[in-house]
Amino acid sequence: MTEREKMLAGMLYDSMAEKSLVDDRQNAKKLCREFNDADPLDMEKRSALMKKILGKTKERFWIEQPFLCDYGYNIEVGENFYANYNLVVLDCAKVTIGDNVFIAPNVGIYTAGHPIVAEQRNTGLEYAYPITIGSNVWIGAGTHICPGVTIGDNVVIGAGSVVTKDIPSNTVAYGVPCKAVRDITDDDLMPEGEIN
């Protein structure tokens, strides 16, 4: 079994032992640098570069600079996706993001992890578990999403959260560790024009 196959299967693998993995990460770094250095007003170039980086997009999406990822091709974003400044995605495993997802600044989505036992960790082995984010999700600033997590549809994640476990649909969740605190209800609707 190749290191890439182990990586995608959620097994321990050595990310430095297979040239194609190293080359793919270097290519992603090169493309991310080109994207991050692009003129902020050159929206056509920025969009084209992001389509080269990401594995799959729909028509309407926007990612602010800077953006960093490991591979890029393991990231799939849905329609009407927006990510604010400084999104970091360690996409050693698949990251699937639904439609109408908004991500605030300084968010990290991390599929990668390392063994707890030092002797094993010190060998350079790592693992990666996929992350799924449903549709109609808002992720607050400074949130960190850990390996293997699924966030359901219609969820709000509060700023500064560390998401270590699955979050059910139709909830407001926050904290360290992040937990569903309450359901989203019709009482959450704000009257149009009202400023709170």
N, C-alpha and C. Protein backbone atom coordinates (compact mmCIF):
# COMPACT_ATOMS: atom_id res chain seq x y z
N MET A 1 0.85 -1.18 0.00
CA MET A 1 0.00 0.00 0.00
C MET A 1 0.90 1.25 0.00
N THR A 2 0.58 2.21 -0.84
CA THR A 2 1.39 3.43 -0.91
C THR A 2 1.07 4.35 0.27
N GLU A 3 1.96 5.30 0.51
CA GLU A 3 1.71 6.27 1.59
C GLU A 3 0.46 7.10 1.28
N ARG A 4 0.23 7.44 0.01
CA ARG A 4 -0.98 8.18 -0.37
C ARG A 4 -2.23 7.37 -0.05
N GLU A 5 -2.20 6.08 -0.38
CA GLU A 5 -3.35 5.22 -0.09
C GLU A 5 -3.61 5.13 1.40
N LYS A 6 -2.53 5.02 2.18
CA LYS A 6 -2.67 5.01 3.64
C LYS A 6 -3.27 6.32 4.13
N MET A 7 -2.77 7.44 3.60
CA MET A 7 -3.26 8.76 3.99
C MET A 7 -4.76 8.87 3.76
N LEU A 8 -5.20 8.48 2.58
CA LEU A 8 -6.61 8.61 2.22
C LEU A 8 -7.49 7.59 2.93
N ALA A 9 -6.88 6.52 3.45
CA ALA A 9 -7.63 5.49 4.18
C ALA A 9 -7.69 5.77 5.68
N GLY A 10 -7.09 6.87 6.14
CA GLY A 10 -7.11 7.21 7.56
C GLY A 10 -6.14 6.39 8.39
N MET A 11 -5.13 5.83 7.75
CA MET A 11 -4.11 5.03 8.45
C MET A 11 -2.89 5.90 8.74
N LEU A 12 -2.03 5.43 9.65
CA LEU A 12 -0.76 6.11 9.86
C LEU A 12 0.05 6.03 8.57
N TYR A 13 0.69 7.14 8.22
CA TYR A 13 1.49 7.18 6.99
C TYR A 13 2.64 8.16 7.18
N ASP A 14 3.61 8.08 6.31
CA ASP A 14 4.77 8.97 6.33
C ASP A 14 4.65 9.93 5.15
N SER A 15 4.34 11.18 5.44
CA SER A 15 4.10 12.17 4.38
C SER A 15 5.36 12.54 3.61
N MET A 16 6.53 12.19 4.15
CA MET A 16 7.79 12.54 3.49
C MET A 16 8.37 11.37 2.69
N ALA A 17 7.77 10.19 2.80
CA ALA A 17 8.36 8.99 2.21
C ALA A 17 7.97 8.77 0.76
N GLU A 18 7.04 9.55 0.29
CA GLU A 18 6.56 9.35 -1.09
C GLU A 18 6.72 10.66 -1.86
N LYS A 19 7.55 10.64 -2.89
CA LYS A 19 7.88 11.86 -3.64
C LYS A 19 6.64 12.56 -4.19
N SER A 20 5.65 11.80 -4.65
CA SER A 20 4.48 12.43 -5.24
C SER A 20 3.71 13.27 -4.21
N LEU A 21 3.68 12.83 -2.94
CA LEU A 21 3.02 13.62 -1.90
C LEU A 21 3.80 14.90 -1.62
N VAL A 22 5.10 14.79 -1.55
CA VAL A 22 5.95 15.98 -1.34
C VAL A 22 5.77 16.95 -2.50
N ASP A 23 5.79 16.44 -3.72
CA ASP A 23 5.62 17.29 -4.91
C ASP A 23 4.26 17.97 -4.91
N ASP A 24 3.21 17.24 -4.54
CA ASP A 24 1.86 17.82 -4.52
C ASP A 24 1.77 18.94 -3.49
N ARG A 25 2.38 18.76 -2.33
CA ARG A 25 2.37 19.83 -1.31
C ARG A 25 3.15 21.05 -1.80
N GLN A 26 4.26 20.82 -2.46
CA GLN A 26 5.06 21.93 -2.99
C GLN A 26 4.28 22.69 -4.06
N ASN A 27 3.58 21.96 -4.89
CA ASN A 27 2.75 22.60 -5.93
C ASN A 27 1.65 23.45 -5.29
N ALA A 28 1.01 22.92 -4.24
CA ALA A 28 -0.04 23.68 -3.56
C ALA A 28 0.53 24.95 -2.93
N LYS A 29 1.72 24.84 -2.33
CA LYS A 29 2.36 26.03 -1.75
C LYS A 29 2.64 27.08 -2.82
N LYS A 30 3.12 26.62 -3.97
CA LYS A 30 3.41 27.54 -5.08
C LYS A 30 2.14 28.26 -5.54
N LEU A 31 1.06 27.49 -5.72
CA LEU A 31 -0.20 28.09 -6.18
C LEU A 31 -0.79 29.01 -5.12
N CYS A 32 -0.69 28.62 -3.85
CA CYS A 32 -1.20 29.48 -2.78
C CYS A 32 -0.41 30.79 -2.73
N ARG A 33 0.89 30.70 -2.90
CA ARG A 33 1.69 31.92 -2.91
C ARG A 33 1.28 32.83 -4.07
N GLU A 34 1.09 32.23 -5.23
CA GLU A 34 0.66 33.02 -6.39
C GLU A 34 -0.69 33.68 -6.13
N PHE A 35 -1.61 32.92 -5.53
CA PHE A 35 -2.93 33.47 -5.18
C PHE A 35 -2.79 34.60 -4.16
N ASN A 36 -2.01 34.36 -3.11
CA ASN A 36 -1.88 35.36 -2.04
C ASN A 36 -1.16 36.62 -2.50
N ASP A 37 -0.28 36.49 -3.50
CA ASP A 37 0.45 37.64 -4.04
C ASP A 37 -0.29 38.36 -5.16
N ALA A 38 -1.41 37.79 -5.61
CA ALA A 38 -2.16 38.40 -6.71
C ALA A 38 -2.76 39.73 -6.28
N ASP A 39 -2.90 40.62 -7.24
CA ASP A 39 -3.54 41.91 -7.00
C ASP A 39 -4.94 41.66 -6.44
N PRO A 40 -5.27 42.20 -5.26
CA PRO A 40 -6.60 41.97 -4.68
C PRO A 40 -7.74 42.41 -5.60
N LEU A 41 -7.47 43.34 -6.51
CA LEU A 41 -8.52 43.83 -7.40
C LEU A 41 -8.66 42.99 -8.67
N ASP A 42 -7.71 42.08 -8.89
CA ASP A 42 -7.77 41.21 -10.08
C ASP A 42 -8.58 39.97 -9.74
N MET A 43 -9.88 40.15 -9.68
CA MET A 43 -10.78 39.09 -9.23
C MET A 43 -10.80 37.90 -10.19
N GLU A 44 -10.64 38.16 -11.46
CA GLU A 44 -10.63 37.08 -12.45
C GLU A 44 -9.43 36.16 -12.23
N LYS A 45 -8.25 36.75 -12.02
CA LYS A 45 -7.05 35.96 -11.78
C LYS A 45 -7.17 35.18 -10.48
N ARG A 46 -7.65 35.84 -9.43
CA ARG A 46 -7.79 35.17 -8.13
C ARG A 46 -8.74 33.99 -8.22
N SER A 47 -9.85 34.18 -8.92
CA SER A 47 -10.82 33.09 -9.08
C SER A 47 -10.22 31.93 -9.87
N ALA A 48 -9.50 32.25 -10.94
CA ALA A 48 -8.88 31.20 -11.78
C ALA A 48 -7.84 30.42 -10.97
N LEU A 49 -7.04 31.12 -10.18
CA LEU A 49 -6.05 30.44 -9.35
C LEU A 49 -6.71 29.53 -8.32
N MET A 50 -7.79 30.01 -7.71
CA MET A 50 -8.46 29.20 -6.71
C MET A 50 -9.08 27.95 -7.34
N LYS A 51 -9.54 28.06 -8.59
CA LYS A 51 -10.06 26.88 -9.28
C LYS A 51 -8.95 25.88 -9.57
N LYS A 52 -7.71 26.37 -9.75
CA LYS A 52 -6.57 25.46 -9.93
C LYS A 52 -6.22 24.77 -8.61
N ILE A 53 -6.38 25.49 -7.51
CA ILE A 53 -5.98 24.97 -6.20
C ILE A 53 -6.99 23.94 -5.69
N LEU A 54 -8.26 24.32 -5.71
CA LEU A 54 -9.30 23.48 -5.08
C LEU A 54 -9.67 22.30 -5.97
N GLY A 55 -10.07 21.21 -5.33
CA GLY A 55 -10.47 20.02 -6.06
C GLY A 55 -11.78 20.19 -6.80
N LYS A 56 -12.74 20.89 -6.18
CA LYS A 56 -14.05 21.06 -6.81
C LYS A 56 -14.71 22.31 -6.25
N THR A 57 -15.28 23.10 -7.15
CA THR A 57 -16.05 24.28 -6.75
C THR A 57 -17.33 24.32 -7.57
N LYS A 58 -18.25 25.13 -7.11
CA LYS A 58 -19.41 25.45 -7.93
C LYS A 58 -19.15 26.83 -8.53
N GLU A 59 -20.17 27.51 -8.99
CA GLU A 59 -19.96 28.77 -9.72
C GLU A 59 -19.61 29.95 -8.81
N ARG A 60 -20.37 30.11 -7.71
CA ARG A 60 -20.17 31.29 -6.86
C ARG A 60 -19.42 30.92 -5.59
N PHE A 61 -18.20 31.40 -5.50
CA PHE A 61 -17.40 31.21 -4.29
C PHE A 61 -16.37 32.32 -4.23
N TRP A 62 -15.92 32.65 -3.03
CA TRP A 62 -14.91 33.68 -2.90
C TRP A 62 -14.08 33.39 -1.65
N ILE A 63 -12.76 33.46 -1.80
CA ILE A 63 -11.84 33.26 -0.70
C ILE A 63 -10.92 34.46 -0.64
N GLU A 64 -10.88 35.10 0.53
CA GLU A 64 -10.01 36.26 0.71
C GLU A 64 -8.57 35.81 0.89
N GLN A 65 -7.66 36.70 0.58
CA GLN A 65 -6.24 36.45 0.79
C GLN A 65 -5.88 36.81 2.24
N PRO A 66 -4.98 36.14 2.91
CA PRO A 66 -4.25 34.96 2.47
C PRO A 66 -5.03 33.66 2.72
N PHE A 67 -4.65 32.64 1.98
CA PHE A 67 -5.23 31.30 2.08
C PHE A 67 -4.08 30.30 1.99
N LEU A 68 -4.12 29.26 2.82
CA LEU A 68 -3.10 28.21 2.78
C LEU A 68 -3.75 26.84 2.86
N CYS A 69 -3.16 25.88 2.17
CA CYS A 69 -3.62 24.49 2.25
C CYS A 69 -2.45 23.55 2.00
N ASP A 70 -2.68 22.26 2.29
CA ASP A 70 -1.63 21.25 2.06
C ASP A 70 -1.61 20.76 0.62
N TYR A 71 -2.76 20.36 0.11
CA TYR A 71 -2.84 19.77 -1.23
C TYR A 71 -3.81 20.53 -2.14
N GLY A 72 -4.91 20.99 -1.60
CA GLY A 72 -5.90 21.71 -2.39
C GLY A 72 -6.89 20.81 -3.06
N TYR A 73 -6.41 19.78 -3.74
CA TYR A 73 -7.32 18.92 -4.50
C TYR A 73 -8.23 18.07 -3.62
N ASN A 74 -7.98 18.03 -2.31
CA ASN A 74 -8.88 17.33 -1.40
C ASN A 74 -9.97 18.24 -0.82
N ILE A 75 -10.05 19.47 -1.31
CA ILE A 75 -11.04 20.44 -0.82
C ILE A 75 -12.14 20.61 -1.85
N GLU A 76 -13.38 20.49 -1.39
CA GLU A 76 -14.55 20.66 -2.25
C GLU A 76 -15.49 21.67 -1.59
N VAL A 77 -15.80 22.76 -2.30
CA VAL A 77 -16.69 23.77 -1.75
C VAL A 77 -17.94 23.90 -2.60
N GLY A 78 -19.06 24.19 -1.93
CA GLY A 78 -20.34 24.30 -2.62
C GLY A 78 -20.62 25.69 -3.13
N GLU A 79 -21.85 25.88 -3.58
CA GLU A 79 -22.31 27.16 -4.13
C GLU A 79 -22.42 28.20 -3.03
N ASN A 80 -22.09 29.46 -3.38
CA ASN A 80 -22.22 30.59 -2.47
C ASN A 80 -21.35 30.38 -1.23
N PHE A 81 -20.09 30.02 -1.45
CA PHE A 81 -19.12 29.82 -0.37
C PHE A 81 -18.30 31.09 -0.21
N TYR A 82 -18.07 31.49 1.04
CA TYR A 82 -17.23 32.66 1.31
C TYR A 82 -16.32 32.35 2.49
N ALA A 83 -15.03 32.61 2.31
CA ALA A 83 -14.06 32.49 3.39
C ALA A 83 -13.33 33.81 3.55
N ASN A 84 -13.30 34.32 4.75
CA ASN A 84 -12.62 35.58 5.04
C ASN A 84 -11.12 35.34 5.21
N TYR A 85 -10.39 36.38 5.59
CA TYR A 85 -8.93 36.35 5.66
C TYR A 85 -8.39 35.20 6.50
N ASN A 86 -7.28 34.63 6.00
CA ASN A 86 -6.44 33.71 6.76
C ASN A 86 -7.10 32.36 7.05
N LEU A 87 -7.74 31.78 6.05
CA LEU A 87 -8.24 30.41 6.17
C LEU A 87 -7.07 29.45 5.93
N VAL A 88 -6.91 28.48 6.83
CA VAL A 88 -5.89 27.44 6.69
C VAL A 88 -6.61 26.10 6.65
N VAL A 89 -6.36 25.30 5.60
CA VAL A 89 -6.98 23.99 5.46
C VAL A 89 -5.88 22.95 5.27
N LEU A 90 -5.72 22.09 6.27
CA LEU A 90 -4.80 20.96 6.14
C LEU A 90 -5.61 19.80 5.58
N ASP A 91 -5.56 19.66 4.28
CA ASP A 91 -6.46 18.74 3.57
C ASP A 91 -5.76 17.45 3.16
N CYS A 92 -5.12 16.80 4.11
CA CYS A 92 -4.52 15.49 3.84
C CYS A 92 -5.61 14.46 3.58
N ALA A 93 -6.78 14.66 4.17
CA ALA A 93 -7.98 13.88 3.88
C ALA A 93 -8.98 14.84 3.24
N LYS A 94 -10.08 14.29 2.77
CA LYS A 94 -11.11 15.07 2.08
C LYS A 94 -11.76 16.09 3.02
N VAL A 95 -11.93 17.31 2.52
CA VAL A 95 -12.70 18.36 3.20
C VAL A 95 -13.85 18.71 2.27
N THR A 96 -15.06 18.42 2.72
CA THR A 96 -16.25 18.66 1.91
C THR A 96 -17.08 19.73 2.58
N ILE A 97 -17.37 20.81 1.85
CA ILE A 97 -18.10 21.95 2.39
C ILE A 97 -19.32 22.18 1.51
N GLY A 98 -20.51 22.30 2.13
CA GLY A 98 -21.76 22.43 1.40
C GLY A 98 -21.99 23.82 0.84
N ASP A 99 -23.25 24.08 0.48
CA ASP A 99 -23.67 25.36 -0.09
C ASP A 99 -23.94 26.37 1.02
N ASN A 100 -23.78 27.65 0.68
CA ASN A 100 -24.12 28.75 1.59
C ASN A 100 -23.35 28.65 2.91
N VAL A 101 -22.05 28.46 2.80
CA VAL A 101 -21.19 28.40 3.99
C VAL A 101 -20.35 29.66 4.04
N PHE A 102 -20.34 30.30 5.21
CA PHE A 102 -19.57 31.51 5.44
C PHE A 102 -18.57 31.24 6.56
N ILE A 103 -17.31 31.56 6.30
CA ILE A 103 -16.25 31.32 7.25
C ILE A 103 -15.59 32.66 7.59
N ALA A 104 -15.55 32.97 8.88
CA ALA A 104 -14.97 34.23 9.37
C ALA A 104 -13.44 34.16 9.34
N PRO A 105 -12.75 35.25 9.69
CA PRO A 105 -11.29 35.26 9.64
C PRO A 105 -10.64 34.27 10.62
N ASN A 106 -9.42 33.87 10.26
CA ASN A 106 -8.55 33.09 11.14
C ASN A 106 -9.13 31.75 11.56
N VAL A 107 -9.73 31.06 10.60
CA VAL A 107 -10.29 29.72 10.86
C VAL A 107 -9.32 28.67 10.33
N GLY A 108 -9.22 27.57 11.08
CA GLY A 108 -8.39 26.44 10.66
C GLY A 108 -9.22 25.18 10.56
N ILE A 109 -9.06 24.49 9.45
CA ILE A 109 -9.73 23.20 9.22
C ILE A 109 -8.62 22.18 9.05
N TYR A 110 -8.51 21.26 10.02
CA TYR A 110 -7.34 20.40 10.10
C TYR A 110 -7.74 18.92 10.02
N THR A 111 -7.49 18.27 8.89
CA THR A 111 -7.74 16.83 8.81
C THR A 111 -6.55 16.06 9.37
N ALA A 112 -5.40 16.69 9.50
CA ALA A 112 -4.16 16.02 9.89
C ALA A 112 -4.01 15.94 11.40
N GLY A 113 -3.43 14.84 11.86
CA GLY A 113 -3.13 14.66 13.27
C GLY A 113 -1.89 13.80 13.44
N HIS A 114 -1.43 13.70 14.67
CA HIS A 114 -0.22 12.94 14.97
C HIS A 114 -0.47 12.02 16.16
N PRO A 115 0.23 10.89 16.24
CA PRO A 115 0.03 9.96 17.35
C PRO A 115 0.27 10.63 18.71
N ILE A 116 -0.43 10.14 19.71
CA ILE A 116 -0.29 10.67 21.07
C ILE A 116 1.01 10.20 21.71
N VAL A 117 1.41 8.95 21.48
CA VAL A 117 2.62 8.41 22.09
C VAL A 117 3.84 9.00 21.37
N ALA A 118 4.73 9.61 22.16
CA ALA A 118 5.86 10.36 21.60
C ALA A 118 6.76 9.51 20.72
N GLU A 119 7.05 8.28 21.13
CA GLU A 119 7.96 7.45 20.35
C GLU A 119 7.41 7.21 18.95
N GLN A 120 6.11 7.05 18.85
CA GLN A 120 5.48 6.84 17.53
C GLN A 120 5.43 8.16 16.76
N ARG A 121 5.06 9.23 17.46
CA ARG A 121 4.96 10.54 16.82
C ARG A 121 6.31 10.99 16.29
N ASN A 122 7.37 10.72 17.04
CA ASN A 122 8.72 11.18 16.67
C ASN A 122 9.27 10.50 15.43
N THR A 123 8.63 9.43 14.98
CA THR A 123 9.07 8.77 13.75
C THR A 123 8.61 9.54 12.51
N GLY A 124 7.74 10.54 12.71
CA GLY A 124 7.24 11.33 11.59
C GLY A 124 5.91 10.84 11.03
N LEU A 125 5.35 9.81 11.64
CA LEU A 125 4.06 9.31 11.17
C LEU A 125 2.95 10.28 11.52
N GLU A 126 1.94 10.30 10.67
CA GLU A 126 0.74 11.11 10.92
C GLU A 126 -0.46 10.37 10.38
N TYR A 127 -1.64 10.95 10.62
CA TYR A 127 -2.88 10.38 10.08
C TYR A 127 -3.76 11.53 9.61
N ALA A 128 -4.79 11.21 8.86
CA ALA A 128 -5.73 12.24 8.39
C ALA A 128 -7.13 11.64 8.34
N TYR A 129 -8.09 12.36 8.93
CA TYR A 129 -9.49 11.95 8.91
C TYR A 129 -10.31 13.04 8.22
N PRO A 130 -11.26 12.67 7.36
CA PRO A 130 -12.02 13.67 6.61
C PRO A 130 -12.88 14.57 7.50
N ILE A 131 -13.15 15.75 6.98
CA ILE A 131 -14.03 16.72 7.64
C ILE A 131 -15.15 17.07 6.67
N THR A 132 -16.37 17.09 7.20
CA THR A 132 -17.54 17.48 6.40
C THR A 132 -18.25 18.63 7.09
N ILE A 133 -18.52 19.66 6.32
CA ILE A 133 -19.29 20.82 6.80
C ILE A 133 -20.52 20.91 5.91
N GLY A 134 -21.70 20.87 6.51
CA GLY A 134 -22.96 20.87 5.75
C GLY A 134 -23.24 22.20 5.08
N SER A 135 -24.48 22.37 4.66
CA SER A 135 -24.92 23.61 4.01
C SER A 135 -25.52 24.57 5.03
N ASN A 136 -25.52 25.86 4.67
CA ASN A 136 -26.10 26.91 5.51
C ASN A 136 -25.41 26.98 6.87
N VAL A 137 -24.08 26.99 6.83
CA VAL A 137 -23.27 27.01 8.05
C VAL A 137 -22.49 28.31 8.12
N TRP A 138 -22.41 28.86 9.31
CA TRP A 138 -21.60 30.05 9.58
C TRP A 138 -20.59 29.65 10.66
N ILE A 139 -19.31 29.81 10.34
CA ILE A 139 -18.24 29.46 11.28
C ILE A 139 -17.58 30.74 11.75
N GLY A 140 -17.63 30.99 13.06
CA GLY A 140 -17.12 32.22 13.64
C GLY A 140 -15.61 32.32 13.64
N ALA A 141 -15.13 33.54 13.83
CA ALA A 141 -13.70 33.85 13.77
C ALA A 141 -12.90 33.04 14.78
N GLY A 142 -11.71 32.63 14.36
CA GLY A 142 -10.79 31.95 15.26
C GLY A 142 -11.19 30.53 15.62
N THR A 143 -12.08 29.94 14.85
CA THR A 143 -12.51 28.56 15.12
C THR A 143 -11.50 27.58 14.56
N HIS A 144 -11.31 26.47 15.27
CA HIS A 144 -10.45 25.38 14.82
C HIS A 144 -11.28 24.12 14.73
N ILE A 145 -11.25 23.46 13.56
CA ILE A 145 -12.03 22.25 13.32
C ILE A 145 -11.05 21.09 13.19
N CYS A 146 -11.20 20.09 14.06
CA CYS A 146 -10.23 19.00 14.20
C CYS A 146 -10.58 17.80 13.30
N PRO A 147 -9.62 16.88 13.13
CA PRO A 147 -9.81 15.74 12.23
C PRO A 147 -11.06 14.91 12.54
N GLY A 148 -11.73 14.48 11.46
CA GLY A 148 -12.83 13.54 11.58
C GLY A 148 -14.17 14.13 11.94
N VAL A 149 -14.27 15.46 12.03
CA VAL A 149 -15.50 16.11 12.48
C VAL A 149 -16.49 16.28 11.33
N THR A 150 -17.78 16.12 11.66
CA THR A 150 -18.86 16.47 10.75
C THR A 150 -19.70 17.55 11.42
N ILE A 151 -19.90 18.65 10.71
CA ILE A 151 -20.79 19.73 11.16
C ILE A 151 -22.03 19.64 10.28
N GLY A 152 -23.20 19.53 10.89
CA GLY A 152 -24.44 19.35 10.14
C GLY A 152 -24.86 20.59 9.38
N ASP A 153 -26.06 20.53 8.81
CA ASP A 153 -26.64 21.66 8.07
C ASP A 153 -27.23 22.68 9.05
N ASN A 154 -27.26 23.95 8.59
CA ASN A 154 -27.92 25.01 9.34
C ASN A 154 -27.34 25.12 10.75
N VAL A 155 -26.03 25.31 10.83
CA VAL A 155 -25.32 25.39 12.10
C VAL A 155 -24.58 26.72 12.17
N VAL A 156 -24.54 27.29 13.37
CA VAL A 156 -23.68 28.44 13.66
C VAL A 156 -22.67 28.01 14.70
N ILE A 157 -21.38 28.17 14.36
CA ILE A 157 -20.29 27.86 15.30
C ILE A 157 -19.77 29.19 15.83
N GLY A 158 -19.81 29.37 17.14
CA GLY A 158 -19.38 30.62 17.75
C GLY A 158 -17.88 30.84 17.65
N ALA A 159 -17.49 32.11 17.66
CA ALA A 159 -16.09 32.50 17.54
C ALA A 159 -15.24 31.85 18.63
N GLY A 160 -14.02 31.47 18.25
CA GLY A 160 -13.07 30.94 19.20
C GLY A 160 -13.30 29.48 19.59
N SER A 161 -14.19 28.81 18.91
CA SER A 161 -14.50 27.42 19.25
C SER A 161 -13.42 26.46 18.76
N VAL A 162 -13.30 25.32 19.46
CA VAL A 162 -12.45 24.22 19.03
C VAL A 162 -13.37 23.02 18.86
N VAL A 163 -13.63 22.66 17.59
CA VAL A 163 -14.60 21.62 17.26
C VAL A 163 -13.88 20.28 17.21
N THR A 164 -14.10 19.45 18.23
CA THR A 164 -13.44 18.15 18.33
C THR A 164 -14.40 16.99 18.10
N LYS A 165 -15.69 17.25 18.12
CA LYS A 165 -16.72 16.22 17.94
C LYS A 165 -17.77 16.73 16.95
N ASP A 166 -18.56 15.80 16.42
CA ASP A 166 -19.62 16.16 15.47
C ASP A 166 -20.61 17.14 16.10
N ILE A 167 -21.13 18.04 15.27
CA ILE A 167 -22.13 19.03 15.69
C ILE A 167 -23.41 18.75 14.91
N PRO A 168 -24.55 18.55 15.60
CA PRO A 168 -25.79 18.22 14.90
C PRO A 168 -26.37 19.41 14.13
N SER A 169 -27.18 19.11 13.15
CA SER A 169 -27.84 20.14 12.34
C SER A 169 -28.75 21.01 13.19
N ASN A 170 -29.00 22.22 12.67
CA ASN A 170 -29.98 23.15 13.24
C ASN A 170 -29.64 23.59 14.66
N THR A 171 -28.34 23.80 14.92
CA THR A 171 -27.94 24.21 16.27
C THR A 171 -26.97 25.38 16.25
N VAL A 172 -26.92 26.06 17.39
CA VAL A 172 -25.86 27.02 17.69
C VAL A 172 -24.90 26.28 18.60
N ALA A 173 -23.62 26.29 18.25
CA ALA A 173 -22.62 25.56 19.02
C ALA A 173 -21.42 26.46 19.25
N TYR A 174 -20.82 26.34 20.43
CA TYR A 174 -19.60 27.11 20.71
C TYR A 174 -18.90 26.52 21.91
N GLY A 175 -17.67 26.99 22.11
CA GLY A 175 -16.91 26.60 23.29
C GLY A 175 -15.66 25.81 22.97
N VAL A 176 -14.92 25.53 24.05
CA VAL A 176 -13.70 24.74 23.98
C VAL A 176 -13.83 23.65 25.04
N PRO A 177 -14.17 22.44 24.65
CA PRO A 177 -14.50 22.00 23.30
C PRO A 177 -15.88 22.49 22.87
N CYS A 178 -16.07 22.60 21.58
CA CYS A 178 -17.33 23.10 21.02
C CYS A 178 -18.44 22.07 21.25
N LYS A 179 -19.60 22.58 21.70
CA LYS A 179 -20.77 21.73 21.92
C LYS A 179 -22.00 22.46 21.42
N ALA A 180 -23.00 21.69 20.98
CA ALA A 180 -24.29 22.28 20.61
C ALA A 180 -24.93 22.82 21.88
N VAL A 181 -25.27 24.11 21.87
CA VAL A 181 -25.81 24.77 23.06
C VAL A 181 -27.33 24.88 22.99
N ARG A 182 -27.84 25.12 21.77
CA ARG A 182 -29.29 25.22 21.62
C ARG A 182 -29.67 25.03 20.17
N ASP A 183 -30.95 24.78 19.95
CA ASP A 183 -31.48 24.68 18.59
C ASP A 183 -31.67 26.07 18.01
N ILE A 184 -31.63 26.16 16.69
CA ILE A 184 -32.00 27.39 15.99
C ILE A 184 -33.50 27.34 15.77
N THR A 185 -34.18 28.42 16.15
CA THR A 185 -35.65 28.46 16.05
C THR A 185 -36.09 29.72 15.33
N ASP A 186 -37.40 29.83 15.10
CA ASP A 186 -37.96 31.04 14.48
C ASP A 186 -37.71 32.28 15.34
N ASP A 187 -37.48 32.11 16.64
CA ASP A 187 -37.19 33.25 17.51
C ASP A 187 -35.87 33.92 17.14
N ASP A 188 -35.03 33.22 16.38
CA ASP A 188 -33.74 33.80 15.97
C ASP A 188 -33.86 34.74 14.77
N LEU A 189 -35.03 34.77 14.11
CA LEU A 189 -35.21 35.68 12.99
C LEU A 189 -35.16 37.12 13.47
N MET A 190 -34.38 37.94 12.78
CA MET A 190 -34.32 39.36 13.10
C MET A 190 -35.24 40.12 12.14
N PRO A 191 -36.04 41.07 12.65
CA PRO A 191 -36.85 41.87 11.75
C PRO A 191 -35.95 42.64 10.79
N GLU A 192 -36.36 42.69 9.53
CA GLU A 192 -35.54 43.40 8.54
C GLU A 192 -35.37 44.85 8.94
N GLY A 193 -34.15 45.32 8.76
CA GLY A 193 -33.84 46.72 9.07
C GLY A 193 -33.45 46.94 10.50
N GLU A 194 -33.64 45.96 11.38
CA GLU A 194 -33.29 46.13 12.77
C GLU A 194 -31.80 45.95 12.97
N ILE A 195 -31.20 46.80 13.78
CA ILE A 195 -29.80 46.69 14.10
C ILE A 195 -29.68 46.40 15.58
N ASN A 196 -28.99 45.33 15.91
CA ASN A 196 -28.76 44.99 17.32
C ASN A 196 -27.31 45.14 17.65
